[in-house]
Amino acid sequence: DALDRIWQEEWEQNLVNTAFRKMRAKVSSQQLLIFRLATVNELPLSQV
């Protein structure tokens, strides 16, 4: 179970990282940064 938990956590993070790399060709760097700060970093929108 220990490795299965590690694998699942890293798999989910890898999905997120891969998605962000794919997004670079679809949106501007500023829009992607706004999304990262607001969702991944969970900053209030006013602070972003």
All heavy atoms as atom14 arrays in JSON, in Angstrom:
{
  "sequence": "DALDRIWQEEWEQNLVNTAFRKMRAKVSSQQLLIFRLATVNELPLSQV",
  "atom14_mask": [
    [1, 1, 1, 1, 1, 1, 1, 1, 0, 0, 0, 0, 0, 0],
    [1, 1, 1, 1, 1, 0, 0, 0, 0, 0, 0, 0, 0, 0],
    [1, 1, 1, 1, 1, 1, 1, 1, 0, 0, 0, 0, 0, 0],
    [1, 1, 1, 1, 1, 1, 1, 1, 0, 0, 0, 0, 0, 0],
    [1, 1, 1, 1, 1, 1, 1, 1, 1, 1, 1, 0, 0, 0],
    [1, 1, 1, 1, 1, 1, 1, 1, 0, 0, 0, 0, 0, 0],
    [1, 1, 1, 1, 1, 1, 1, 1, 1, 1, 1, 1, 1, 1],
    [1, 1, 1, 1, 1, 1, 1, 1, 1, 0, 0, 0, 0, 0],
    [1, 1, 1, 1, 1, 1, 1, 1, 1, 0, 0, 0, 0, 0],
    [1, 1, 1, 1, 1, 1, 1, 1, 1, 0, 0, 0, 0, 0],
    [1, 1, 1, 1, 1, 1, 1, 1, 1, 1, 1, 1, 1, 1],
    [1, 1, 1, 1, 1, 1, 1, 1, 1, 0, 0, 0, 0, 0],
    [1, 1, 1, 1, 1, 1, 1, 1, 1, 0, 0, 0, 0, 0],
    [1, 1, 1, 1, 1, 1, 1, 1, 0, 0, 0, 0, 0, 0],
    [1, 1, 1, 1, 1, 1, 1, 1, 0, 0, 0, 0, 0, 0],
    [1, 1, 1, 1, 1, 1, 1, 0, 0, 0, 0, 0, 0, 0],
    [1, 1, 1, 1, 1, 1, 1, 1, 0, 0, 0, 0, 0, 0],
    [1, 1, 1, 1, 1, 1, 1, 0, 0, 0, 0, 0, 0, 0],
    [1, 1, 1, 1, 1, 0, 0, 0, 0, 0, 0, 0, 0, 0],
    [1, 1, 1, 1, 1, 1, 1, 1, 1, 1, 1, 0, 0, 0],
    [1, 1, 1, 1, 1, 1, 1, 1, 1, 1, 1, 0, 0, 0],
    [1, 1, 1, 1, 1, 1, 1, 1, 1, 0, 0, 0, 0, 0],
    [1, 1, 1, 1, 1, 1, 1, 1, 0, 0, 0, 0, 0, 0],
    [1, 1, 1, 1, 1, 1, 1, 1, 1, 1, 1, 0, 0, 0],
    [1, 1, 1, 1, 1, 0, 0, 0, 0, 0, 0, 0, 0, 0],
    [1, 1, 1, 1, 1, 1, 1, 1, 1, 0, 0, 0, 0, 0],
    [1, 1, 1, 1, 1, 1, 1, 0, 0, 0, 0, 0, 0, 0],
    [1, 1, 1, 1, 1, 1, 0, 0, 0, 0, 0, 0, 0, 0],
    [1, 1, 1, 1, 1, 1, 0, 0, 0, 0, 0, 0, 0, 0],
    [1, 1, 1, 1, 1, 1, 1, 1, 1, 0, 0, 0, 0, 0],
    [1, 1, 1, 1, 1, 1, 1, 1, 1, 0, 0, 0, 0, 0],
    [1, 1, 1, 1, 1, 1, 1, 1, 0, 0, 0, 0, 0, 0],
    [1, 1, 1, 1, 1, 1, 1, 1, 0, 0, 0, 0, 0, 0],
    [1, 1, 1, 1, 1, 1, 1, 1, 0, 0, 0, 0, 0, 0],
    [1, 1, 1, 1, 1, 1, 1, 1, 1, 1, 1, 0, 0, 0],
    [1, 1, 1, 1, 1, 1, 1, 1, 1, 1, 1, 0, 0, 0],
    [1, 1, 1, 1, 1, 1, 1, 1, 0, 0, 0, 0, 0, 0],
    [1, 1, 1, 1, 1, 0, 0, 0, 0, 0, 0, 0, 0, 0],
    [1, 1, 1, 1, 1, 1, 1, 0, 0, 0, 0, 0, 0, 0],
    [1, 1, 1, 1, 1, 1, 1, 0, 0, 0, 0, 0, 0, 0],
    [1, 1, 1, 1, 1, 1, 1, 1, 0, 0, 0, 0, 0, 0],
    [1, 1, 1, 1, 1, 1, 1, 1, 1, 0, 0, 0, 0, 0],
    [1, 1, 1, 1, 1, 1, 1, 1, 0, 0, 0, 0, 0, 0],
    [1, 1, 1, 1, 1, 1, 1, 0, 0, 0, 0, 0, 0, 0],
    [1, 1, 1, 1, 1, 1, 1, 1, 0, 0, 0, 0, 0, 0],
    [1, 1, 1, 1, 1, 1, 0, 0, 0, 0, 0, 0, 0, 0],
    [1, 1, 1, 1, 1, 1, 1, 1, 1, 0, 0, 0, 0, 0],
    [1, 1, 1, 1, 1, 1, 1, 0, 0, 0, 0, 0, 0, 0]
  ],
  "atom14_positions": [
    [[0.81, -1.21, 0.0], [0.0, 0.0, 0.0], [0.84, 1.26, 0.0], [0.44, 2.28, -0.57], [-0.93, 0.01, 1.21], [-1.98, -1.09, 1.14], [-2.22, -1.61, 0.03], [-2.54, -1.45, 2.19], [0.0, 0.0, 0.0], [0.0, 0.0, 0.0], [0.0, 0.0, 0.0], [0.0, 0.0, 0.0], [0.0, 0.0, 0.0], [0.0, 0.0, 0.0]],
    [[2.0, 1.23, 0.64], [2.83, 2.44, 0.73], [3.24, 2.93, -0.64], [3.11, 4.12, -0.95], [4.07, 2.16, 1.58], [0.0, 0.0, 0.0], [0.0, 0.0, 0.0], [0.0, 0.0, 0.0], [0.0, 0.0, 0.0], [0.0, 0.0, 0.0], [0.0, 0.0, 0.0], [0.0, 0.0, 0.0], [0.0, 0.0, 0.0], [0.0, 0.0, 0.0]],
    [[3.72, 2.03, -1.47], [4.13, 2.43, -2.81], [2.92, 2.84, -3.65], [3.01, 3.78, -4.46], [4.89, 1.32, -3.52], [5.42, 1.69, -4.91], [6.44, 2.82, -4.8], [6.03, 0.51, -5.61], [0.0, 0.0, 0.0], [0.0, 0.0, 0.0], [0.0, 0.0, 0.0], [0.0, 0.0, 0.0], [0.0, 0.0, 0.0], [0.0, 0.0, 0.0]],
    [[1.81, 2.16, -3.47], [0.6, 2.52, -4.21], [0.17, 3.95, -3.88], [-0.24, 4.7, -4.76], [-0.55, 1.56, -3.89], [-0.35, 0.2, -4.54], [0.45, 0.11, -5.49], [-0.98, -0.76, -4.09], [0.0, 0.0, 0.0], [0.0, 0.0, 0.0], [0.0, 0.0, 0.0], [0.0, 0.0, 0.0], [0.0, 0.0, 0.0], [0.0, 0.0, 0.0]],
    [[0.28, 4.34, -2.61], [-0.07, 5.71, -2.22], [0.91, 6.71, -2.83], [0.51, 7.77, -3.33], [-0.08, 5.84, -0.69], [-1.28, 5.19, -0.02], [-1.4, 5.64, 1.42], [-0.23, 5.23, 2.21], [-0.14, 4.07, 2.86], [-1.14, 3.21, 2.8], [0.93, 3.78, 3.56], [0.0, 0.0, 0.0], [0.0, 0.0, 0.0], [0.0, 0.0, 0.0]],
    [[2.2, 6.37, -2.77], [3.22, 7.24, -3.36], [2.96, 7.4, -4.85], [3.0, 8.52, -5.4], [4.62, 6.66, -3.13], [4.99, 6.72, -1.65], [5.67, 7.41, -3.96], [6.28, 5.98, -1.3], [0.0, 0.0, 0.0], [0.0, 0.0, 0.0], [0.0, 0.0, 0.0], [0.0, 0.0, 0.0], [0.0, 0.0, 0.0], [0.0, 0.0, 0.0]],
    [[2.7, 6.27, -5.52], [2.47, 6.31, -6.97], [1.27, 7.18, -7.3], [1.32, 8.0, -8.23], [2.27, 4.89, -7.51], [1.93, 4.88, -8.97], [0.68, 4.85, -9.52], [2.84, 4.95, -10.06], [0.78, 4.87, -10.89], [2.08, 4.94, -11.25], [4.24, 5.0, -10.14], [2.67, 4.98, -12.5], [4.82, 5.06, -11.4], [4.04, 5.05, -12.56]],
    [[0.16, 7.02, -6.57], [-1.06, 7.78, -6.87], [-0.83, 9.27, -6.68], [-1.26, 10.09, -7.5], [-2.2, 7.3, -5.97], [-3.55, 7.96, -6.27], [-4.03, 7.72, -7.69], [-3.78, 6.64, -8.26], [-4.69, 8.69, -8.27], [0.0, 0.0, 0.0], [0.0, 0.0, 0.0], [0.0, 0.0, 0.0], [0.0, 0.0, 0.0], [0.0, 0.0, 0.0]],
    [[-0.14, 9.64, -5.61], [0.14, 11.06, -5.37], [1.01, 11.64, -6.49], [0.72, 12.74, -7.0], [0.86, 11.22, -4.03], [-0.02, 10.92, -2.82], [0.78, 10.87, -1.53], [2.01, 11.07, -1.59], [0.18, 10.61, -0.47], [0.0, 0.0, 0.0], [0.0, 0.0, 0.0], [0.0, 0.0, 0.0], [0.0, 0.0, 0.0], [0.0, 0.0, 0.0]],
    [[2.06, 10.93, -6.85], [2.96, 11.42, -7.89], [2.29, 11.4, -9.26], [2.57, 12.25, -10.11], [4.25, 10.6, -7.91], [5.12, 10.8, -6.69], [5.52, 12.24, -6.48], [5.76, 12.95, -7.48], [5.6, 12.67, -5.32], [0.0, 0.0, 0.0], [0.0, 0.0, 0.0], [0.0, 0.0, 0.0], [0.0, 0.0, 0.0], [0.0, 0.0, 0.0]],
    [[1.43, 10.42, -9.51], [0.7, 10.35, -10.77], [-0.19, 11.58, -10.94], [-0.23, 12.19, -12.02], [-0.13, 9.07, -10.84], [-0.9, 8.94, -12.1], [-2.2, 9.33, -12.32], [-0.45, 8.42, -13.37], [-2.56, 9.07, -13.61], [-1.52, 8.51, -14.27], [0.77, 7.86, -13.78], [-1.4, 8.08, -15.59], [0.86, 7.44, -15.09], [-0.21, 7.55, -15.98]],
    [[-0.91, 11.93, -9.88], [-1.8, 13.1, -9.95], [-1.0, 14.36, -10.2], [-1.39, 15.21, -11.0], [-2.61, 13.22, -8.65], [-3.64, 12.13, -8.45], [-4.71, 12.13, -9.53], [-5.1, 13.23, -9.98], [-5.16, 11.05, -9.93], [0.0, 0.0, 0.0], [0.0, 0.0, 0.0], [0.0, 0.0, 0.0], [0.0, 0.0, 0.0], [0.0, 0.0, 0.0]],
    [[0.14, 14.5, -9.52], [0.98, 15.68, -9.71], [1.54, 15.71, -11.12], [1.65, 16.78, -11.74], [2.11, 15.7, -8.7], [2.96, 16.97, -8.72], [2.14, 18.22, -8.46], [1.4, 18.29, -7.47], [2.23, 19.2, -9.35], [0.0, 0.0, 0.0], [0.0, 0.0, 0.0], [0.0, 0.0, 0.0], [0.0, 0.0, 0.0], [0.0, 0.0, 0.0]],
    [[1.9, 14.55, -11.65], [2.43, 14.48, -13.01], [1.36, 14.87, -14.03], [1.67, 15.52, -15.03], [2.93, 13.06, -13.3], [3.76, 12.99, -14.56], [4.84, 13.55, -14.64], [3.24, 12.3, -15.57], [0.0, 0.0, 0.0], [0.0, 0.0, 0.0], [0.0, 0.0, 0.0], [0.0, 0.0, 0.0], [0.0, 0.0, 0.0], [0.0, 0.0, 0.0]],
    [[0.11, 14.48, -13.78], [-0.98, 14.9, -14.66], [-1.1, 16.42, -14.69], [-1.25, 17.02, -15.76], [-2.31, 14.29, -14.19], [-2.61, 12.84, -14.55], [-4.0, 12.46, -14.01], [-2.56, 12.6, -16.05], [0.0, 0.0, 0.0], [0.0, 0.0, 0.0], [0.0, 0.0, 0.0], [0.0, 0.0, 0.0], [0.0, 0.0, 0.0], [0.0, 0.0, 0.0]],
    [[-1.04, 17.02, -13.52], [-1.15, 18.47, -13.43], [0.01, 19.14, -14.16], [-0.19, 20.08, -14.95], [-1.17, 18.91, -11.94], [-1.03, 20.43, -11.83], [-2.46, 18.45, -11.27], [0.0, 0.0, 0.0], [0.0, 0.0, 0.0], [0.0, 0.0, 0.0], [0.0, 0.0, 0.0], [0.0, 0.0, 0.0], [0.0, 0.0, 0.0], [0.0, 0.0, 0.0]],
    [[1.23, 18.67, -13.92], [2.4, 19.27, -14.58], [2.34, 19.12, -16.1], [2.68, 20.04, -16.84], [3.68, 18.63, -14.05], [3.92, 18.95, -12.59], [3.39, 19.92, -12.06], [4.74, 18.14, -11.93], [0.0, 0.0, 0.0], [0.0, 0.0, 0.0], [0.0, 0.0, 0.0], [0.0, 0.0, 0.0], [0.0, 0.0, 0.0], [0.0, 0.0, 0.0]],
    [[1.9, 17.94, -16.56], [1.79, 17.71, -18.0], [0.73, 18.62, -18.6], [0.92, 19.19, -19.68], [1.43, 16.23, -18.28], [2.45, 15.39, -17.73], [1.32, 15.98, -19.77], [0.0, 0.0, 0.0], [0.0, 0.0, 0.0], [0.0, 0.0, 0.0], [0.0, 0.0, 0.0], [0.0, 0.0, 0.0], [0.0, 0.0, 0.0], [0.0, 0.0, 0.0]],
    [[-0.38, 18.76, -17.91], [-1.45, 19.64, -18.39], [-0.97, 21.07, -18.52], [-1.25, 21.75, -19.5], [-2.66, 19.55, -17.46], [0.0, 0.0, 0.0], [0.0, 0.0, 0.0], [0.0, 0.0, 0.0], [0.0, 0.0, 0.0], [0.0, 0.0, 0.0], [0.0, 0.0, 0.0], [0.0, 0.0, 0.0], [0.0, 0.0, 0.0], [0.0, 0.0, 0.0]],
    [[-0.21, 21.54, -17.53], [0.32, 22.9, -17.59], [1.27, 23.06, -18.77], [1.26, 24.1, -19.45], [1.05, 23.25, -16.29], [0.15, 23.84, -15.24], [0.0, 23.21, -14.01], [-0.56, 25.01, -15.47], [-0.84, 23.75, -13.04], [-1.39, 25.55, -14.51], [-1.54, 24.92, -13.29], [0.0, 0.0, 0.0], [0.0, 0.0, 0.0], [0.0, 0.0, 0.0]],
    [[2.11, 22.05, -19.05], [3.01, 22.15, -20.2], [2.22, 22.22, -21.5], [2.57, 23.0, -22.41], [3.95, 20.94, -20.23], [5.03, 20.96, -19.17], [6.16, 20.0, -19.51], [5.7, 18.64, -19.6], [5.67, 17.79, -18.57], [6.05, 18.2, -17.38], [5.26, 16.55, -18.72], [0.0, 0.0, 0.0], [0.0, 0.0, 0.0], [0.0, 0.0, 0.0]],
    [[1.15, 21.44, -21.6], [0.31, 21.47, -22.8], [-0.39, 22.82, -22.95], [-0.62, 23.29, -24.07], [-0.73, 20.35, -22.74], [-0.16, 18.94, -22.71], [0.43, 18.55, -24.05], [0.88, 17.11, -24.07], [1.48, 16.72, -25.37], [0.0, 0.0, 0.0], [0.0, 0.0, 0.0], [0.0, 0.0, 0.0], [0.0, 0.0, 0.0], [0.0, 0.0, 0.0]],
    [[-0.71, 23.44, -21.83], [-1.47, 24.69, -21.87], [-0.63, 25.86, -22.39], [-1.18, 26.86, -22.84], [-1.98, 25.02, -20.46], [-3.03, 24.06, -19.93], [-4.57, 24.16, -20.83], [-5.09, 25.8, -20.36], [0.0, 0.0, 0.0], [0.0, 0.0, 0.0], [0.0, 0.0, 0.0], [0.0, 0.0, 0.0], [0.0, 0.0, 0.0], [0.0, 0.0, 0.0]],
    [[0.67, 25.74, -22.33], [1.53, 26.85, -22.75], [1.32, 27.22, -24.21], [1.56, 28.37, -24.59], [3.0, 26.48, -22.52], [3.4, 26.39, -21.06], [4.8, 25.84, -20.91], [5.13, 25.59, -19.52], [6.16, 24.86, -19.11], [6.97, 24.32, -20.02], [6.4, 24.67, -17.83], [0.0, 0.0, 0.0], [0.0, 0.0, 0.0], [0.0, 0.0, 0.0]],
    [[0.89, 26.24, -25.02], [0.67, 26.51, -26.44], [-0.74, 27.04, -26.71], [-1.04, 27.42, -27.84], [0.9, 25.23, -27.26], [0.0, 0.0, 0.0], [0.0, 0.0, 0.0], [0.0, 0.0, 0.0], [0.0, 0.0, 0.0], [0.0, 0.0, 0.0], [0.0, 0.0, 0.0], [0.0, 0.0, 0.0], [0.0, 0.0, 0.0], [0.0, 0.0, 0.0]],
    [[-1.58, 27.09, -25.68], [-2.97, 27.46, -25.88], [-3.35, 28.8, -25.26], [-4.31, 29.43, -25.7], [-3.88, 26.37, -25.3], [-3.69, 25.0, -25.94], [-4.61, 23.97, -25.31], [-4.41, 22.6, -25.95], [-5.31, 21.57, -25.34], [0.0, 0.0, 0.0], [0.0, 0.0, 0.0], [0.0, 0.0, 0.0], [0.0, 0.0, 0.0], [0.0, 0.0, 0.0]],
    [[-2.63, 29.23, -24.24], [-2.95, 30.49, -23.57], [-1.67, 31.28, -23.36], [-0.55, 30.75, -23.45], [-3.65, 30.26, -22.21], [-4.95, 29.49, -22.4], [-2.74, 29.5, -21.26], [0.0, 0.0, 0.0], [0.0, 0.0, 0.0], [0.0, 0.0, 0.0], [0.0, 0.0, 0.0], [0.0, 0.0, 0.0], [0.0, 0.0, 0.0], [0.0, 0.0, 0.0]],
    [[-1.81, 32.55, -23.05], [-0.63, 33.39, -22.82], [0.01, 33.03, -21.49], [-0.62, 32.46, -20.59], [-1.04, 34.86, -22.81], [-1.83, 35.16, -21.66], [0.0, 0.0, 0.0], [0.0, 0.0, 0.0], [0.0, 0.0, 0.0], [0.0, 0.0, 0.0], [0.0, 0.0, 0.0], [0.0, 0.0, 0.0], [0.0, 0.0, 0.0], [0.0, 0.0, 0.0]],
    [[1.29, 33.38, -21.36], [2.01, 33.1, -20.12], [1.38, 33.85, -18.95], [1.36, 33.34, -17.82], [3.48, 33.48, -20.27], [3.61, 34.84, -20.63], [0.0, 0.0, 0.0], [0.0, 0.0, 0.0], [0.0, 0.0, 0.0], [0.0, 0.0, 0.0], [0.0, 0.0, 0.0], [0.0, 0.0, 0.0], [0.0, 0.0, 0.0], [0.0, 0.0, 0.0]],
    [[0.86, 35.05, -19.2], [0.24, 35.82, -18.13], [-1.04, 35.13, -17.63], [-1.27, 35.02, -16.42], [-0.09, 37.23, -18.59], [-0.66, 38.11, -17.47], [-1.07, 39.48, -17.95], [-1.99, 39.62, -18.75], [-0.37, 40.51, -17.48], [0.0, 0.0, 0.0], [0.0, 0.0, 0.0], [0.0, 0.0, 0.0], [0.0, 0.0, 0.0], [0.0, 0.0, 0.0]],
    [[-1.87, 34.66, -18.58], [-3.1, 33.98, -18.18], [-2.8, 32.71, -17.4], [-3.47, 32.39, -16.42], [-3.94, 33.66, -19.42], [-4.59, 34.87, -20.06], [-5.4, 34.49, -21.28], [-4.96, 33.67, -22.09], [-6.57, 35.08, -21.42], [0.0, 0.0, 0.0], [0.0, 0.0, 0.0], [0.0, 0.0, 0.0], [0.0, 0.0, 0.0], [0.0, 0.0, 0.0]],
    [[-1.76, 31.99, -17.84], [-1.39, 30.75, -17.14], [-0.87, 31.06, -15.74], [-1.18, 30.33, -14.79], [-0.32, 30.01, -17.95], [-0.09, 28.54, -17.58], [-1.38, 27.73, -17.72], [1.0, 27.95, -18.47], [0.0, 0.0, 0.0], [0.0, 0.0, 0.0], [0.0, 0.0, 0.0], [0.0, 0.0, 0.0], [0.0, 0.0, 0.0], [0.0, 0.0, 0.0]],
    [[-0.12, 32.13, -15.61], [0.4, 32.53, -14.29], [-0.75, 32.93, -13.37], [-0.75, 32.59, -12.18], [1.39, 33.67, -14.44], [2.04, 34.19, -13.14], [2.74, 33.05, -12.39], [3.01, 35.32, -13.44], [0.0, 0.0, 0.0], [0.0, 0.0, 0.0], [0.0, 0.0, 0.0], [0.0, 0.0, 0.0], [0.0, 0.0, 0.0], [0.0, 0.0, 0.0]],
    [[-1.71, 33.67, -13.9], [-2.88, 34.05, -13.1], [-3.59, 32.81, -12.58], [-3.94, 32.72, -11.4], [-3.85, 34.9, -13.95], [-3.27, 36.3, -14.2], [-5.22, 35.02, -13.25], [-4.08, 37.14, -15.16], [0.0, 0.0, 0.0], [0.0, 0.0, 0.0], [0.0, 0.0, 0.0], [0.0, 0.0, 0.0], [0.0, 0.0, 0.0], [0.0, 0.0, 0.0]],
    [[-3.77, 31.83, -13.45], [-4.46, 30.6, -13.05], [-3.66, 29.85, -11.99], [-4.23, 29.34, -11.01], [-4.68, 29.72, -14.28], [-5.39, 28.43, -13.97], [-6.75, 28.43, -13.68], [-4.7, 27.23, -13.96], [-7.41, 27.24, -13.38], [-5.35, 26.04, -13.67], [-6.71, 26.04, -13.38], [0.0, 0.0, 0.0], [0.0, 0.0, 0.0], [0.0, 0.0, 0.0]],
    [[-2.35, 29.76, -12.17], [-1.5, 29.08, -11.18], [-1.6, 29.75, -9.81], [-1.77, 29.08, -8.77], [-0.05, 29.09, -11.64], [0.35, 27.96, -12.57], [1.85, 28.01, -12.81], [2.34, 26.92, -13.62], [2.69, 25.72, -13.14], [2.57, 25.48, -11.85], [3.14, 24.78, -13.93], [0.0, 0.0, 0.0], [0.0, 0.0, 0.0], [0.0, 0.0, 0.0]],
    [[-1.46, 31.07, -9.8], [-1.48, 31.8, -8.53], [-2.83, 31.66, -7.83], [-2.9, 31.51, -6.61], [-1.16, 33.28, -8.76], [0.28, 33.61, -9.2], [0.41, 35.09, -9.52], [1.28, 33.21, -8.11], [0.0, 0.0, 0.0], [0.0, 0.0, 0.0], [0.0, 0.0, 0.0], [0.0, 0.0, 0.0], [0.0, 0.0, 0.0], [0.0, 0.0, 0.0]],
    [[-3.91, 31.7, -8.63], [-5.25, 31.68, -8.05], [-5.7, 30.29, -7.63], [-6.49, 30.14, -6.68], [-6.26, 32.26, -9.04], [0.0, 0.0, 0.0], [0.0, 0.0, 0.0], [0.0, 0.0, 0.0], [0.0, 0.0, 0.0], [0.0, 0.0, 0.0], [0.0, 0.0, 0.0], [0.0, 0.0, 0.0], [0.0, 0.0, 0.0], [0.0, 0.0, 0.0]],
    [[-5.2, 29.27, -8.29], [-5.67, 27.9, -8.01], [-4.63, 27.06, -7.27], [-4.89, 26.54, -6.19], [-6.08, 27.18, -9.31], [-4.97, 27.16, -10.22], [-7.25, 27.9, -9.96], [0.0, 0.0, 0.0], [0.0, 0.0, 0.0], [0.0, 0.0, 0.0], [0.0, 0.0, 0.0], [0.0, 0.0, 0.0], [0.0, 0.0, 0.0], [0.0, 0.0, 0.0]],
    [[-3.44, 26.94, -7.86], [-2.4, 26.12, -7.22], [-1.9, 26.79, -5.95], [-1.8, 26.16, -4.89], [-1.23, 25.88, -8.19], [-0.13, 25.06, -7.51], [-1.73, 25.16, -9.45], [0.0, 0.0, 0.0], [0.0, 0.0, 0.0], [0.0, 0.0, 0.0], [0.0, 0.0, 0.0], [0.0, 0.0, 0.0], [0.0, 0.0, 0.0], [0.0, 0.0, 0.0]],
    [[-1.58, 28.09, -6.03], [-1.08, 28.81, -4.86], [-2.19, 29.33, -3.95], [-1.93, 29.78, -2.84], [-0.21, 30.0, -5.3], [1.06, 29.55, -5.99], [1.22, 28.38, -6.31], [1.97, 30.48, -6.23], [0.0, 0.0, 0.0], [0.0, 0.0, 0.0], [0.0, 0.0, 0.0], [0.0, 0.0, 0.0], [0.0, 0.0, 0.0], [0.0, 0.0, 0.0]],
    [[-3.42, 29.27, -4.47], [-4.62, 29.66, -3.69], [-4.54, 31.07, -3.15], [-4.95, 31.36, -2.03], [-4.85, 28.66, -2.55], [-5.12, 27.24, -3.02], [-5.4, 26.29, -1.89], [-5.02, 26.61, -0.74], [-6.03, 25.23, -2.13], [0.0, 0.0, 0.0], [0.0, 0.0, 0.0], [0.0, 0.0, 0.0], [0.0, 0.0, 0.0], [0.0, 0.0, 0.0]],
    [[-4.0, 32.0, -3.95], [-3.98, 33.4, -3.56], [-5.35, 34.02, -3.81], [-6.01, 33.69, -4.79], [-2.93, 34.17, -4.35], [-1.45, 33.96, -3.99], [-0.58, 34.83, -4.89], [-1.19, 34.3, -2.54], [0.0, 0.0, 0.0], [0.0, 0.0, 0.0], [0.0, 0.0, 0.0], [0.0, 0.0, 0.0], [0.0, 0.0, 0.0], [0.0, 0.0, 0.0]],
    [[-5.8, 34.93, -2.94], [-7.03, 35.67, -3.23], [-6.9, 36.41, -4.55], [-5.82, 36.9, -4.9], [-7.14, 36.65, -2.05], [-6.34, 36.01, -0.95], [-5.2, 35.28, -1.64], [0.0, 0.0, 0.0], [0.0, 0.0, 0.0], [0.0, 0.0, 0.0], [0.0, 0.0, 0.0], [0.0, 0.0, 0.0], [0.0, 0.0, 0.0], [0.0, 0.0, 0.0]],
    [[-8.0, 36.5, -5.29], [-7.95, 37.1, -6.62], [-7.48, 38.55, -6.58], [-6.79, 39.02, -7.49], [-9.32, 37.01, -7.28], [-9.87, 35.59, -7.49], [-11.12, 35.61, -8.35], [-8.81, 34.69, -8.13], [0.0, 0.0, 0.0], [0.0, 0.0, 0.0], [0.0, 0.0, 0.0], [0.0, 0.0, 0.0], [0.0, 0.0, 0.0], [0.0, 0.0, 0.0]],
    [[-7.85, 39.26, -5.52], [-7.4, 40.65, -5.4], [-5.89, 40.73, -5.27], [-5.25, 41.64, -5.82], [-8.07, 41.31, -4.19], [-7.77, 40.59, -3.0], [0.0, 0.0, 0.0], [0.0, 0.0, 0.0], [0.0, 0.0, 0.0], [0.0, 0.0, 0.0], [0.0, 0.0, 0.0], [0.0, 0.0, 0.0], [0.0, 0.0, 0.0], [0.0, 0.0, 0.0]],
    [[-5.28, 39.77, -4.55], [-3.82, 39.74, -4.41], [-3.15, 39.38, -5.74], [-2.07, 39.89, -6.06], [-3.41, 38.75, -3.33], [-3.74, 39.2, -1.92], [-3.13, 38.28, -0.87], [-2.11, 37.64, -1.11], [-3.77, 38.22, 0.29], [0.0, 0.0, 0.0], [0.0, 0.0, 0.0], [0.0, 0.0, 0.0], [0.0, 0.0, 0.0], [0.0, 0.0, 0.0]],
    [[-3.78, 38.49, -6.49], [-3.24, 38.13, -7.8], [-3.21, 39.35, -8.7], [-2.22, 39.62, -9.39], [-4.07, 37.01, -8.44], [-3.58, 36.72, -9.86], [-4.01, 35.74, -7.6], [0.0, 0.0, 0.0], [0.0, 0.0, 0.0], [0.0, 0.0, 0.0], [0.0, 0.0, 0.0], [0.0, 0.0, 0.0], [0.0, 0.0, 0.0], [0.0, 0.0, 0.0]]
  ]
}
